[in-house]
């Protein structure tokens, strides 16, 4: 039994949950804190460790805290970075809420860096003022640690790790709970509402700053549940991820350039000198400039020169980044850090309104898995962690469904042992290789530079592979399981099933992304096509994907048109 909550693991299946939250990064944890304290909340975390994309966030959180700054200026910076696709009401709600949520974080125990007793702020790309709050270069970790501590103290929240959500339960058009793989057991859990907080999809690409689990799982779950998906073509490629042979990629925070570091090509020249903001232009512009310079010079990286930053400032502000570089044999204060663009953040996601509601009643989406209209075609640096908090705050007024009538109590359950296996002899090895092939395909055809021919070929292949994979008996068992059944798998089948789910979810998310990329016949923000290299006024609109319908557009929503109907 958890001494703080009074729940134990057996309560997962016997408790009538009000809300199930899927994902335990910043969005999931904050949602659990903001939901009314009289509700019974089940927080499910697929990971047994504390991994999340939120913990990896280095730079900080954007909010107006300085007298020379203003919410209007923050809004204008956000809209400019968004390349004409930000919904104005989402932006206004965000910039107005952010300072208040900074205060809330301080009360929860968040210890932002300070200078002379005042909150320290740094400058990042496309910001006109220093408004990025930080905890050295470990802001995400600090945030998640504080939120975790608070969640652990809540008596109405049961946080369970190592349980994977495999389907969202929808009955008569309403969200009714989830299907989970809990160790070897596949079964269902009822709830009045479900909050998706599963993160993004950077790991769909071979080169990424994201952890393994950020592979579009939430997009696939929502799509299968009937939720609308929006703007999946817009993927942000961070310009400065470490690029070193035989070393894992990791982010070199934009704040390093904000403090004075500059990009240099193989000739010692600036590859971004032609951009209006130079080294601190928006991420999409800098990434394309670096990509083009690398292609022209036939190299796989650009240098990031940090020698203009004092040793004292480096050690105080970026200890984790520079320690990691030194562990890999680099001395950043003497040589340029090799960097290259890498998949970082998905602006698109599950379409929501400002209450975080999807078009499926009782299903909510918060954080990177959601598309709120805030980011448009390109996210302003350090708006993402704060977005998690702003929209989690909307959970205070959550609207719940009534419990569905299906009886899945212990007296009505059937227990079935399964000896199914993945059909391929290579099993785990085959599935792992297929995942890696798909990542390479997405990077090659849907990365920084895209073309119709490459994306069309990739889409055809992914569709075919997905349809073939759905024929696997193990997957069919999952998607056809009755609500009153519990299926038990042996260890080999459980391992195979986890990888099958990984691959099928990746295929579905990649498929939807490629469809959106092909549909938008222009370049804008995080979407660049070499056959349509400019922005076109006709395409100043969102793209919307709905099951059973052709992909279509949605107008930009202005103040008068909110709240939008999904």
Protein backbone atom coordinates (compact mmCIF):
# COMPACT_ATOMS: atom_id res chain seq x y z
CA UNK A 1 0.00 0.00 0.00
CA UNK A 2 1.14 3.54 -0.81
CA UNK A 3 1.32 5.30 2.56
CA UNK A 4 0.56 8.67 1.02
CA UNK A 5 -2.40 7.76 -1.17
CA UNK A 6 -3.91 4.83 0.69
CA UNK A 7 -4.12 2.95 -2.63
CA UNK A 8 -2.33 -0.26 -3.54
CA UNK A 9 -1.75 -1.77 -6.96
CA UNK A 10 -4.82 -4.00 -6.74
CA UNK A 11 -6.92 -0.87 -6.49
CA UNK A 12 -6.20 -0.12 -10.15
CA UNK A 13 -8.83 -2.61 -11.23
CA UNK A 14 -11.29 -2.34 -8.36
CA UNK A 15 -11.52 1.46 -8.06
CA UNK A 16 -14.02 3.52 -10.06
CA UNK A 17 -11.55 6.09 -11.42
CA UNK A 18 -12.71 9.57 -12.28
CA UNK A 19 -9.71 10.37 -14.45
CA UNK A 20 -6.87 8.34 -15.95
CA UNK A 21 -3.80 10.40 -16.91
CA UNK A 22 -1.46 8.75 -19.43
CA UNK A 23 2.14 9.95 -19.15
CA UNK A 24 4.19 11.31 -16.26
CA UNK A 25 6.19 14.15 -17.77
CA UNK A 26 5.44 17.79 -17.01
CA UNK A 27 2.00 17.68 -18.68
CA UNK A 28 0.82 14.51 -16.94
CA UNK A 29 2.16 15.44 -13.51
CA UNK A 30 0.77 18.98 -13.61
CA UNK A 31 -2.60 17.68 -14.82
CA UNK A 32 -2.71 15.32 -11.83
CA UNK A 33 -2.05 18.28 -9.52
CA UNK A 34 -4.58 20.60 -11.14
CA UNK A 35 -7.46 18.12 -11.26
CA UNK A 36 -9.93 18.66 -8.38
CA UNK A 37 -8.80 16.99 -5.16
CA UNK A 38 -12.13 15.20 -4.72
CA UNK A 39 -11.52 13.11 -7.86
CA UNK A 40 -9.88 9.69 -7.91
CA UNK A 41 -6.97 9.93 -10.35
CA UNK A 42 -4.88 7.11 -11.80
CA UNK A 43 -1.58 8.30 -13.29
CA UNK A 44 -0.10 5.68 -15.63
CA UNK A 45 3.54 5.76 -16.67
CA UNK A 46 4.74 3.25 -19.23
CA UNK A 47 8.31 3.61 -18.00
CA UNK A 48 9.62 2.00 -14.87
CA UNK A 49 12.30 4.71 -14.70
CA UNK A 50 11.86 8.49 -14.51
CA UNK A 51 12.53 9.06 -18.23
CA UNK A 52 10.52 11.69 -20.07
CA UNK A 53 11.13 14.33 -22.72
CA UNK A 54 10.32 16.97 -20.10
CA UNK A 55 13.27 15.87 -17.95
CA UNK A 56 15.57 16.30 -20.95
CA UNK A 57 14.55 19.94 -21.48
CA UNK A 58 17.56 22.16 -20.87
CA UNK A 59 16.81 25.74 -21.81
CA UNK A 60 13.96 26.90 -19.64
CA UNK A 61 10.43 28.29 -19.48
CA UNK A 62 9.23 31.46 -21.18
CA UNK A 63 7.16 33.96 -19.20
CA UNK A 64 7.06 37.73 -18.77
CA UNK A 65 8.74 38.62 -15.46
CA UNK A 66 10.80 41.73 -16.35
CA UNK A 67 9.47 45.28 -16.36
CA UNK A 68 10.80 46.07 -19.85
CA UNK A 69 8.94 43.06 -21.29
CA UNK A 70 5.18 42.64 -21.79
CA UNK A 71 2.61 39.99 -22.59
CA UNK A 72 1.91 41.70 -25.92
CA UNK A 73 5.57 41.47 -26.90
CA UNK A 74 5.69 37.78 -25.88
CA UNK A 75 2.55 37.19 -27.96
CA UNK A 76 4.05 38.96 -30.96
CA UNK A 77 7.26 36.92 -30.71
CA UNK A 78 5.21 33.70 -30.54
CA UNK A 79 3.09 34.66 -33.54
CA UNK A 80 6.08 35.75 -35.62
CA UNK A 81 7.90 32.48 -34.94
CA UNK A 82 4.70 30.57 -35.79
CA UNK A 83 4.86 31.76 -39.41
CA UNK A 84 1.26 32.89 -39.67
CA UNK A 85 -0.46 29.83 -38.20
CA UNK A 86 -0.88 30.67 -34.51
CA UNK A 87 -4.46 30.90 -33.23
CA UNK A 88 -4.64 34.27 -31.48
CA UNK A 89 -6.79 33.18 -28.54
CA UNK A 90 -4.44 30.30 -27.71
CA UNK A 91 -1.51 32.72 -27.76
CA UNK A 92 -3.29 35.27 -25.56
CA UNK A 93 -4.34 32.68 -23.01
CA UNK A 94 -0.79 31.36 -22.90
CA UNK A 95 1.07 34.66 -22.40
CA UNK A 96 -1.47 35.90 -19.85
CA UNK A 97 -1.38 32.66 -17.83
CA UNK A 98 2.40 32.13 -17.84
CA UNK A 99 3.41 34.72 -15.17
CA UNK A 100 0.71 33.44 -12.82
CA UNK A 101 1.96 29.87 -13.27
CA UNK A 102 5.52 30.96 -12.51
CA UNK A 103 4.19 32.11 -9.12
CA UNK A 104 2.41 28.79 -8.70
CA UNK A 105 5.62 26.89 -9.42
CA UNK A 106 7.53 28.95 -6.88
CA UNK A 107 4.93 28.06 -4.24
CA UNK A 108 5.26 24.38 -5.20
CA UNK A 109 9.01 24.57 -4.53
CA UNK A 110 10.56 25.31 -7.95
CA UNK A 111 13.89 27.05 -7.40
CA UNK A 112 14.69 29.03 -10.52
CA UNK A 113 18.14 30.58 -10.83
CA UNK A 114 18.39 34.06 -9.36
CA UNK A 115 20.70 37.04 -9.70
CA UNK A 116 20.86 39.45 -6.76
CA UNK A 117 17.71 37.85 -5.41
CA UNK A 118 15.70 38.36 -8.60
CA UNK A 119 14.69 35.65 -11.08
CA UNK A 120 17.40 35.20 -13.72
CA UNK A 121 16.34 35.24 -17.35
CA UNK A 122 18.20 34.40 -20.53
CA UNK A 123 17.69 35.16 -24.22
CA UNK A 124 16.80 32.47 -26.73
CA UNK A 125 16.13 32.45 -30.46
CA UNK A 126 13.37 34.74 -31.77
CA UNK A 127 12.70 36.30 -28.35
CA UNK A 128 13.04 40.10 -28.27
CA UNK A 129 13.64 40.13 -24.51
CA UNK A 130 15.34 37.99 -21.88
CA UNK A 131 12.30 36.11 -20.57
CA UNK A 132 13.45 32.49 -20.31
CA UNK A 133 13.55 31.31 -16.68
CA UNK A 134 15.92 28.46 -15.95
CA UNK A 135 17.58 26.15 -13.46
CA UNK A 136 21.11 26.12 -14.93
CA UNK A 137 20.81 23.79 -17.93
CA UNK A 138 18.56 21.29 -16.15
CA UNK A 139 15.24 23.15 -16.09
CA UNK A 140 13.14 20.20 -17.25
CA UNK A 141 14.60 17.85 -14.66
CA UNK A 142 14.09 20.41 -11.89
CA UNK A 143 10.47 20.94 -12.95
CA UNK A 144 9.61 17.23 -13.14
CA UNK A 145 11.29 16.53 -9.80
CA UNK A 146 9.21 19.24 -8.07
CA UNK A 147 5.97 18.05 -9.67
CA UNK A 148 6.73 14.41 -8.84
CA UNK A 149 7.27 15.30 -5.21
CA UNK A 150 3.94 17.12 -5.10
CA UNK A 151 2.05 14.28 -6.83
CA UNK A 152 3.49 11.76 -4.37
CA UNK A 153 1.90 13.76 -1.56
CA UNK A 154 -1.60 13.77 -3.05
CA UNK A 155 -3.96 11.33 -1.42
CA UNK A 156 -6.28 11.19 -4.44
CA UNK A 157 -3.60 10.23 -7.00
CA UNK A 158 -2.22 6.73 -7.58
CA UNK A 159 0.94 6.87 -9.71
CA UNK A 160 1.82 3.55 -11.30
CA UNK A 161 4.92 2.90 -13.39
CA UNK A 162 5.45 0.07 -15.86
CA UNK A 163 1.85 -0.06 -17.14
CA UNK A 164 1.35 0.51 -20.84
CA UNK A 165 -1.87 1.88 -22.33
CA UNK A 166 -2.65 -0.09 -25.48
CA UNK A 167 -6.05 1.37 -26.45
CA UNK A 168 -8.42 4.12 -25.41
CA UNK A 169 -11.84 2.76 -24.61
CA UNK A 170 -14.57 4.60 -26.53
CA UNK A 171 -18.20 3.59 -26.17
CA UNK A 172 -21.12 5.34 -27.92
CA UNK A 173 -18.78 8.18 -28.90
CA UNK A 174 -17.57 8.81 -25.35
CA UNK A 175 -14.28 7.99 -23.68
CA UNK A 176 -14.86 5.28 -21.10
CA UNK A 177 -11.38 4.23 -19.96
CA UNK A 178 -8.33 2.41 -21.30
CA UNK A 179 -6.94 -0.98 -22.16
CA UNK A 180 -3.56 -1.69 -20.53
CA UNK A 181 -0.73 -4.18 -20.69
CA UNK A 182 0.24 -4.61 -17.05
CA UNK A 183 3.23 -6.96 -17.04
CA UNK A 184 1.92 -10.14 -18.68
CA UNK A 185 -1.79 -9.20 -18.38
CA UNK A 186 -3.95 -7.39 -20.94
CA UNK A 187 -7.15 -5.92 -19.45
CA UNK A 188 -9.45 -2.87 -19.24
CA UNK A 189 -9.92 -0.06 -16.72
CA UNK A 190 -13.03 2.17 -16.50
CA UNK A 191 -12.87 5.94 -16.03
CA UNK A 192 -15.04 9.01 -16.56
CA UNK A 193 -12.27 10.81 -18.49
CA UNK A 194 -8.81 10.20 -19.94
CA UNK A 195 -6.00 12.76 -20.26
CA UNK A 196 -3.37 12.05 -22.92
CA UNK A 197 0.01 13.44 -21.85
CA UNK A 198 2.29 11.07 -23.75
CA UNK A 199 4.68 13.58 -25.32
CA UNK A 200 5.78 13.98 -28.91
CA UNK A 201 7.34 11.95 -31.69
CA UNK A 202 10.96 12.97 -32.20
CA UNK A 203 12.09 9.35 -32.03
CA UNK A 204 10.22 8.67 -35.27
CA UNK A 205 13.40 10.10 -36.84
CA UNK A 206 16.87 8.56 -36.87
CA UNK A 207 18.44 11.80 -35.62
CA UNK A 208 16.69 13.20 -32.57
CA UNK A 209 17.12 14.89 -29.21
CA UNK A 210 14.18 12.89 -27.81
CA UNK A 211 14.14 9.73 -25.67
CA UNK A 212 13.03 6.38 -27.11
CA UNK A 213 9.47 6.56 -25.83
CA UNK A 214 8.80 9.83 -27.72
CA UNK A 215 7.61 7.96 -30.79
CA UNK A 216 4.10 9.26 -31.50
CA UNK A 217 2.28 6.70 -29.35
CA UNK A 218 -0.28 9.25 -28.15
CA UNK A 219 -1.08 10.25 -31.73
CA UNK A 220 -1.73 6.62 -32.66
CA UNK A 221 -3.88 6.00 -29.56
CA UNK A 222 -5.96 9.11 -30.19
CA UNK A 223 -6.41 8.40 -33.90
CA UNK A 224 -7.67 4.87 -33.25
CA UNK A 225 -10.09 6.35 -30.69
CA UNK A 226 -11.55 8.69 -33.32
CA UNK A 227 -9.82 11.93 -32.30
CA UNK A 228 -8.96 14.56 -34.92
CA UNK A 229 -5.28 15.20 -35.64
CA UNK A 230 -3.90 18.58 -36.69
CA UNK A 231 -0.77 20.06 -38.33
CA UNK A 232 1.41 16.92 -38.26
CA UNK A 233 3.57 18.24 -41.09
CA UNK A 234 5.15 20.80 -38.78
CA UNK A 235 8.14 19.27 -37.04
CA UNK A 236 10.79 21.39 -35.39
CA UNK A 237 14.36 20.35 -36.06
CA UNK A 238 16.64 21.84 -33.42
CA UNK A 239 19.74 23.23 -35.11
CA UNK A 240 22.27 22.35 -32.44
CA UNK A 241 22.32 18.72 -31.41
CA UNK A 242 25.72 17.15 -30.78
CA UNK A 243 27.02 15.34 -33.88
CA UNK A 244 29.84 13.01 -33.00
CA UNK A 245 30.65 9.58 -34.43
CA UNK A 246 29.71 6.71 -32.12
CA UNK A 247 28.14 9.05 -29.57
CA UNK A 248 24.44 9.50 -28.80
CA UNK A 249 22.89 12.78 -29.90
CA UNK A 250 22.02 15.23 -27.19
CA UNK A 251 20.80 18.80 -27.21
CA UNK A 252 23.12 21.78 -26.98
CA UNK A 253 20.65 24.29 -25.58
CA UNK A 254 19.75 27.38 -27.57
CA UNK A 255 20.57 29.33 -24.45
CA UNK A 256 24.26 28.71 -25.23
CA UNK A 257 23.85 30.88 -28.34
CA UNK A 258 21.73 33.26 -26.28
CA UNK A 259 24.76 33.83 -24.06
CA UNK A 260 27.08 34.52 -26.99
CA UNK A 261 28.10 31.29 -28.78
CA UNK A 262 28.16 31.45 -32.60
CA UNK A 263 27.85 28.95 -35.44
CA UNK A 264 30.80 28.46 -37.81
CA UNK A 265 31.12 26.33 -40.94
CA UNK A 266 34.14 24.36 -42.16
CA UNK A 267 35.67 27.59 -43.56
CA UNK A 268 35.26 29.45 -40.29
CA UNK A 269 32.40 31.53 -41.71
CA UNK A 270 28.90 32.01 -40.33
CA UNK A 271 26.30 29.82 -42.09
CA UNK A 272 23.53 32.06 -40.72
CA UNK A 273 24.93 35.51 -41.53
CA UNK A 274 22.19 36.02 -44.17
CA UNK A 275 19.35 35.51 -41.66
CA UNK A 276 17.72 38.49 -40.00
CA UNK A 277 18.38 37.16 -36.52
CA UNK A 278 21.65 35.43 -37.45
CA UNK A 279 22.52 32.87 -34.74
CA UNK A 280 19.30 33.64 -32.89
CA UNK A 281 16.90 33.48 -35.82
CA UNK A 282 13.98 31.07 -35.44
CA UNK A 283 14.82 27.38 -35.24
CA UNK A 284 13.36 26.47 -38.62
CA UNK A 285 15.46 29.11 -40.38
CA UNK A 286 18.69 28.19 -38.60
CA UNK A 287 18.17 24.45 -39.14
CA UNK A 288 17.61 24.87 -42.89
CA UNK A 289 20.63 27.18 -43.16
CA UNK A 290 22.83 24.61 -41.42
CA UNK A 291 21.42 21.75 -43.47
CA UNK A 292 22.07 23.59 -46.72
CA UNK A 293 25.60 24.57 -45.67
CA UNK A 294 26.38 20.97 -44.72
CA UNK A 295 25.12 19.70 -48.09
CA UNK A 296 27.07 22.32 -50.03
CA UNK A 297 30.30 21.66 -48.13
CA UNK A 298 29.72 17.88 -48.02
CA UNK A 299 30.15 17.66 -44.24
CA UNK A 300 27.97 16.11 -41.53
CA UNK A 301 28.21 18.91 -38.94
CA UNK A 302 28.64 22.62 -38.22
CA UNK A 303 30.74 24.04 -35.41
CA UNK A 304 29.35 25.86 -32.36
CA UNK A 305 32.03 28.23 -31.06
CA UNK A 306 31.57 29.05 -27.37
CA UNK A 307 34.94 30.70 -26.72
CA UNK A 308 33.31 34.13 -26.36
CA UNK A 309 31.55 32.95 -23.17
CA UNK A 310 33.63 33.30 -20.04
CA UNK A 311 34.78 30.16 -18.21
CA UNK A 312 32.91 31.32 -15.12
CA UNK A 313 29.64 31.75 -17.03
CA UNK A 314 30.03 28.37 -18.76
CA UNK A 315 30.55 26.52 -15.49
CA UNK A 316 27.73 28.36 -13.73
CA UNK A 317 25.12 28.28 -16.49
CA UNK A 318 25.76 25.10 -18.51
CA UNK A 319 27.45 22.56 -16.23
CA UNK A 320 25.62 19.47 -17.56
CA UNK A 321 26.17 20.27 -21.23
CA UNK A 322 29.88 20.93 -20.91
CA UNK A 323 30.46 18.01 -18.58
CA UNK A 324 28.84 15.73 -21.16
CA UNK A 325 31.01 17.19 -23.94
CA UNK A 326 34.16 16.56 -21.88
CA UNK A 327 33.07 12.99 -21.16
CA UNK A 328 33.02 12.47 -24.93
CA UNK A 329 36.51 13.86 -25.36
CA UNK A 330 35.62 17.43 -26.38
CA UNK A 331 36.97 20.59 -24.83
CA UNK A 332 34.36 23.23 -25.78
CA UNK A 333 36.38 26.19 -24.54
CA UNK A 334 39.20 25.29 -26.95
CA UNK A 335 37.39 23.81 -29.95
CA UNK A 336 34.02 24.25 -31.63
CA UNK A 337 31.34 21.73 -30.63
CA UNK A 338 30.22 19.66 -33.68
CA UNK A 339 26.45 20.09 -34.09
CA UNK A 340 23.76 19.30 -36.66
CA UNK A 341 19.95 19.66 -36.92
CA UNK A 342 17.98 16.96 -35.15
CA UNK A 343 14.25 16.19 -34.70
CA UNK A 344 13.17 17.97 -31.54
CA UNK A 345 9.52 19.03 -31.20
CA UNK A 346 6.20 18.28 -32.93
CA UNK A 347 4.03 21.37 -33.35
CA UNK A 348 1.17 19.20 -34.60
CA UNK A 349 -0.77 16.70 -32.53
CA UNK A 350 -4.23 15.78 -31.28
CA UNK A 351 -6.54 18.72 -32.02
CA UNK A 352 -7.86 20.39 -28.86
CA UNK A 353 -9.73 23.52 -27.87
CA UNK A 354 -8.58 25.84 -25.08
CA UNK A 355 -10.05 23.51 -22.46
CA UNK A 356 -7.75 20.73 -23.74
CA UNK A 357 -10.82 18.86 -25.03
CA UNK A 358 -10.63 16.69 -28.13
CA UNK A 359 -13.62 15.92 -30.37
CA UNK A 360 -14.11 12.66 -28.38
CA UNK A 361 -16.12 13.50 -25.27
CA UNK A 362 -14.11 12.77 -22.14
CA UNK A 363 -10.76 12.56 -23.95
CA UNK A 364 -8.28 15.37 -23.29
CA UNK A 365 -4.77 16.02 -24.59
CA UNK A 366 -2.07 18.16 -22.98
CA UNK A 367 1.56 18.94 -23.79
CA UNK A 368 3.44 17.98 -26.93
CA UNK A 369 0.88 15.32 -27.89
CA UNK A 370 -1.71 18.09 -28.32
CA UNK A 371 -2.12 20.74 -31.00
CA UNK A 372 -3.59 23.76 -29.26
CA UNK A 373 -3.05 26.38 -31.94
CA UNK A 374 -0.33 28.04 -29.84
CA UNK A 375 2.80 27.15 -31.80
CA UNK A 376 1.58 27.48 -35.37
CA UNK A 377 4.16 26.28 -37.88
CA UNK A 378 7.18 26.75 -35.62
CA UNK A 379 7.41 26.80 -31.81
CA UNK A 380 9.02 29.75 -30.10
CA UNK A 381 11.89 28.51 -27.93
CA UNK A 382 11.00 27.59 -24.32
CA UNK A 383 7.25 27.94 -24.81
CA UNK A 384 6.71 24.18 -24.55
CA UNK A 385 7.24 23.46 -20.84
CA UNK A 386 5.05 26.41 -19.96
CA UNK A 387 2.38 25.23 -22.43
CA UNK A 388 2.17 21.98 -20.43
CA UNK A 389 1.39 23.96 -17.28
CA UNK A 390 -1.02 26.42 -18.91
CA UNK A 391 -3.25 23.73 -20.41
CA UNK A 392 -2.93 21.42 -17.40
CA UNK A 393 -4.33 24.34 -15.43
CA UNK A 394 -7.54 23.96 -17.49
CA UNK A 395 -8.10 20.59 -15.79
CA UNK A 396 -9.42 22.45 -12.74
CA UNK A 397 -12.75 22.69 -14.54
CA UNK A 398 -12.76 19.29 -16.24
CA UNK A 399 -16.06 17.96 -17.58
CA UNK A 400 -16.54 14.27 -16.81
CA UNK A 401 -18.65 11.62 -18.51
CA UNK A 402 -20.96 9.37 -16.58
CA UNK A 403 -19.65 5.85 -16.07
CA UNK A 404 -20.53 3.52 -18.92
CA UNK A 405 -22.76 0.57 -18.12
CA UNK A 406 -20.35 -2.21 -19.16
CA UNK A 407 -19.59 -4.48 -16.24
CA UNK A 408 -15.90 -5.34 -16.01
CA UNK A 409 -15.92 -6.34 -12.35
CA UNK A 410 -14.07 -9.35 -11.03
CA UNK A 411 -17.21 -11.53 -10.92
CA UNK A 412 -17.75 -11.08 -14.63
CA UNK A 413 -14.21 -11.53 -15.95
CA UNK A 414 -12.86 -14.37 -18.07
CA UNK A 415 -9.18 -15.30 -17.76
CA UNK A 416 -7.40 -16.53 -20.89
CA UNK A 417 -3.83 -17.72 -21.23
CA UNK A 418 -2.31 -17.02 -24.64
CA UNK A 419 0.54 -18.89 -26.30
CA UNK A 420 0.54 -16.69 -29.42
CA UNK A 421 3.86 -15.70 -30.99
CA UNK A 422 5.03 -13.16 -33.52
CA UNK A 423 5.03 -14.93 -36.87
CA UNK A 424 8.64 -14.11 -37.86
CA UNK A 425 11.32 -16.48 -36.55
CA UNK A 426 13.70 -13.62 -35.78
CA UNK A 427 11.11 -12.18 -33.38
CA UNK A 428 12.51 -9.34 -31.31
CA UNK A 429 15.52 -8.83 -33.57
CA UNK A 430 13.32 -8.46 -36.67
CA UNK A 431 10.98 -5.94 -35.02
CA UNK A 432 13.86 -3.84 -33.68
CA UNK A 433 15.43 -3.71 -37.15
CA UNK A 434 12.09 -2.70 -38.71
CA UNK A 435 11.75 0.15 -36.21
CA UNK A 436 15.23 1.39 -37.08
CA UNK A 437 14.51 1.14 -40.84
CA UNK A 438 11.38 3.23 -40.35
CA UNK A 439 13.34 5.86 -38.40
CA UNK A 440 15.90 6.10 -41.19
CA UNK A 441 13.11 6.40 -43.78
CA UNK A 442 11.39 9.22 -41.90
CA UNK A 443 14.66 11.11 -41.49
CA UNK A 444 15.56 10.71 -45.16
CA UNK A 445 12.16 11.61 -46.65
CA UNK A 446 10.44 13.73 -43.99
CA UNK A 447 13.38 15.43 -42.30
CA UNK A 448 14.65 18.98 -42.71
CA UNK A 449 14.33 18.93 -46.53
CA UNK A 450 11.34 17.15 -48.13
CA UNK A 451 10.25 16.30 -51.68
CA UNK A 452 7.04 14.93 -53.21
CA UNK A 453 8.73 11.93 -54.80
CA UNK A 454 10.49 10.81 -51.63
CA UNK A 455 7.47 11.30 -49.38
CA UNK A 456 5.09 9.57 -51.80
CA UNK A 457 7.34 6.53 -51.98
CA UNK A 458 7.73 6.47 -48.20
CA UNK A 459 3.98 6.77 -47.63
CA UNK A 460 3.25 3.85 -49.97
CA UNK A 461 5.76 1.67 -48.14
CA UNK A 462 4.57 2.59 -44.63
CA UNK A 463 0.90 1.98 -45.56
CA UNK A 464 1.76 -1.45 -46.95
CA UNK A 465 3.89 -2.40 -43.97
CA UNK A 466 1.21 -1.25 -41.52
CA UNK A 467 -1.55 -3.23 -43.18
CA UNK A 468 0.65 -6.33 -43.17
CA UNK A 469 1.52 -5.88 -39.52
CA UNK A 470 -2.14 -5.65 -38.51
CA UNK A 471 -2.55 -9.27 -39.65
CA UNK A 472 -0.37 -10.44 -36.77
CA UNK A 473 -2.47 -12.57 -34.36
CA UNK A 474 -0.96 -10.91 -31.29
CA UNK A 475 -2.06 -7.46 -32.46
CA UNK A 476 -5.46 -8.78 -33.51
CA UNK A 477 -5.98 -10.17 -30.02
CA UNK A 478 -5.28 -6.74 -28.53
CA UNK A 479 -7.62 -4.84 -30.83
CA UNK A 480 -10.46 -7.39 -30.57
CA UNK A 481 -10.31 -8.15 -26.85
CA UNK A 482 -13.67 -8.10 -25.09
CA UNK A 483 -14.13 -5.71 -22.16
CA UNK A 484 -14.67 -8.50 -19.63
CA UNK A 485 -11.60 -10.53 -20.63
CA UNK A 486 -8.11 -10.73 -19.12
CA UNK A 487 -5.47 -12.22 -21.40
CA UNK A 488 -2.26 -13.56 -19.91
CA UNK A 489 0.96 -13.77 -21.96
CA UNK A 490 4.20 -15.60 -21.33
CA UNK A 491 7.43 -13.61 -21.32
CA UNK A 492 8.30 -14.16 -25.00
CA UNK A 493 4.81 -13.15 -26.18
CA UNK A 494 4.80 -10.09 -23.88
CA UNK A 495 8.14 -8.94 -25.28
CA UNK A 496 7.00 -9.52 -28.86
CA UNK A 497 3.73 -7.71 -28.21
CA UNK A 498 5.46 -4.64 -26.78
CA UNK A 499 7.63 -4.34 -29.88
CA UNK A 500 4.68 -5.01 -32.18
CA UNK A 501 2.79 -2.18 -30.50
CA UNK A 502 5.85 0.08 -30.79
CA UNK A 503 6.20 -0.61 -34.50
CA UNK A 504 2.49 -0.34 -35.32
CA UNK A 505 2.14 2.96 -33.40
CA UNK A 506 5.24 4.34 -35.13
CA UNK A 507 3.86 3.27 -38.51
CA UNK A 508 0.50 4.91 -37.86
CA UNK A 509 2.04 8.18 -36.66
CA UNK A 510 4.54 8.22 -39.55
CA UNK A 511 1.75 7.50 -42.03
CA UNK A 512 -0.35 10.40 -40.75
CA UNK A 513 2.67 12.71 -40.76
CA UNK A 514 3.60 11.83 -44.36
CA UNK A 515 0.00 12.37 -45.50
CA UNK A 516 0.01 15.84 -43.95
CA UNK A 517 3.43 16.66 -45.45
CA UNK A 518 2.24 15.71 -48.93
CA UNK A 519 -1.02 17.60 -48.54
CA UNK A 520 0.58 20.96 -47.73
CA UNK A 521 1.99 22.21 -51.02
CA UNK A 522 4.17 25.01 -49.71
CA UNK A 523 7.04 25.61 -47.28
CA UNK A 524 6.28 27.21 -43.94
CA UNK A 525 7.91 27.03 -40.51
CA UNK A 526 8.92 23.46 -39.67
CA UNK A 527 7.77 22.16 -43.06
CA UNK A 528 10.08 22.67 -46.05
CA UNK A 529 9.54 21.15 -49.52
CA UNK A 530 12.10 21.58 -52.27
CA UNK A 531 9.31 21.36 -54.89
CA UNK A 532 7.31 24.14 -53.16
CA UNK A 533 10.06 26.22 -51.49
CA UNK A 534 8.00 29.33 -50.59
CA UNK A 535 5.01 30.13 -48.39
CA UNK A 536 1.70 30.62 -50.19
CA UNK A 537 -1.18 32.75 -48.79
CA UNK A 538 -3.69 30.03 -49.77
CA UNK A 539 -2.03 27.70 -47.27
CA UNK A 540 -2.29 30.02 -44.29
CA UNK A 541 -4.54 27.48 -42.59
CA UNK A 542 -4.31 24.37 -40.45
CA UNK A 543 -4.48 20.82 -41.77
CA UNK A 544 -6.95 18.47 -40.13
CA UNK A 545 -7.09 14.67 -40.33
CA UNK A 546 -10.27 12.88 -39.32
CA UNK A 547 -11.01 9.15 -39.55
CA UNK A 548 -13.29 8.34 -42.47
CA UNK A 549 -12.68 11.71 -44.18
CA UNK A 550 -10.13 13.08 -46.61
CA UNK A 551 -7.51 15.35 -45.10
CA UNK A 552 -8.78 18.93 -45.17
CA UNK A 553 -8.03 22.43 -43.91
CA UNK A 554 -9.22 24.54 -40.99
CA UNK A 555 -9.00 28.35 -40.98
CA UNK A 556 -6.81 30.19 -38.52
CA UNK A 557 -9.00 31.01 -35.54
CA UNK A 558 -9.15 34.61 -34.44
CA UNK A 559 -10.52 36.05 -31.25
CA UNK A 560 -14.08 36.36 -32.46
CA UNK A 561 -14.31 32.72 -33.49
CA UNK A 562 -13.25 31.11 -30.22
CA UNK A 563 -13.98 28.71 -28.71
CA UNK A 564 -13.66 26.51 -31.75
CA UNK A 565 -15.86 23.48 -32.15
CA UNK A 566 -14.06 20.18 -32.62
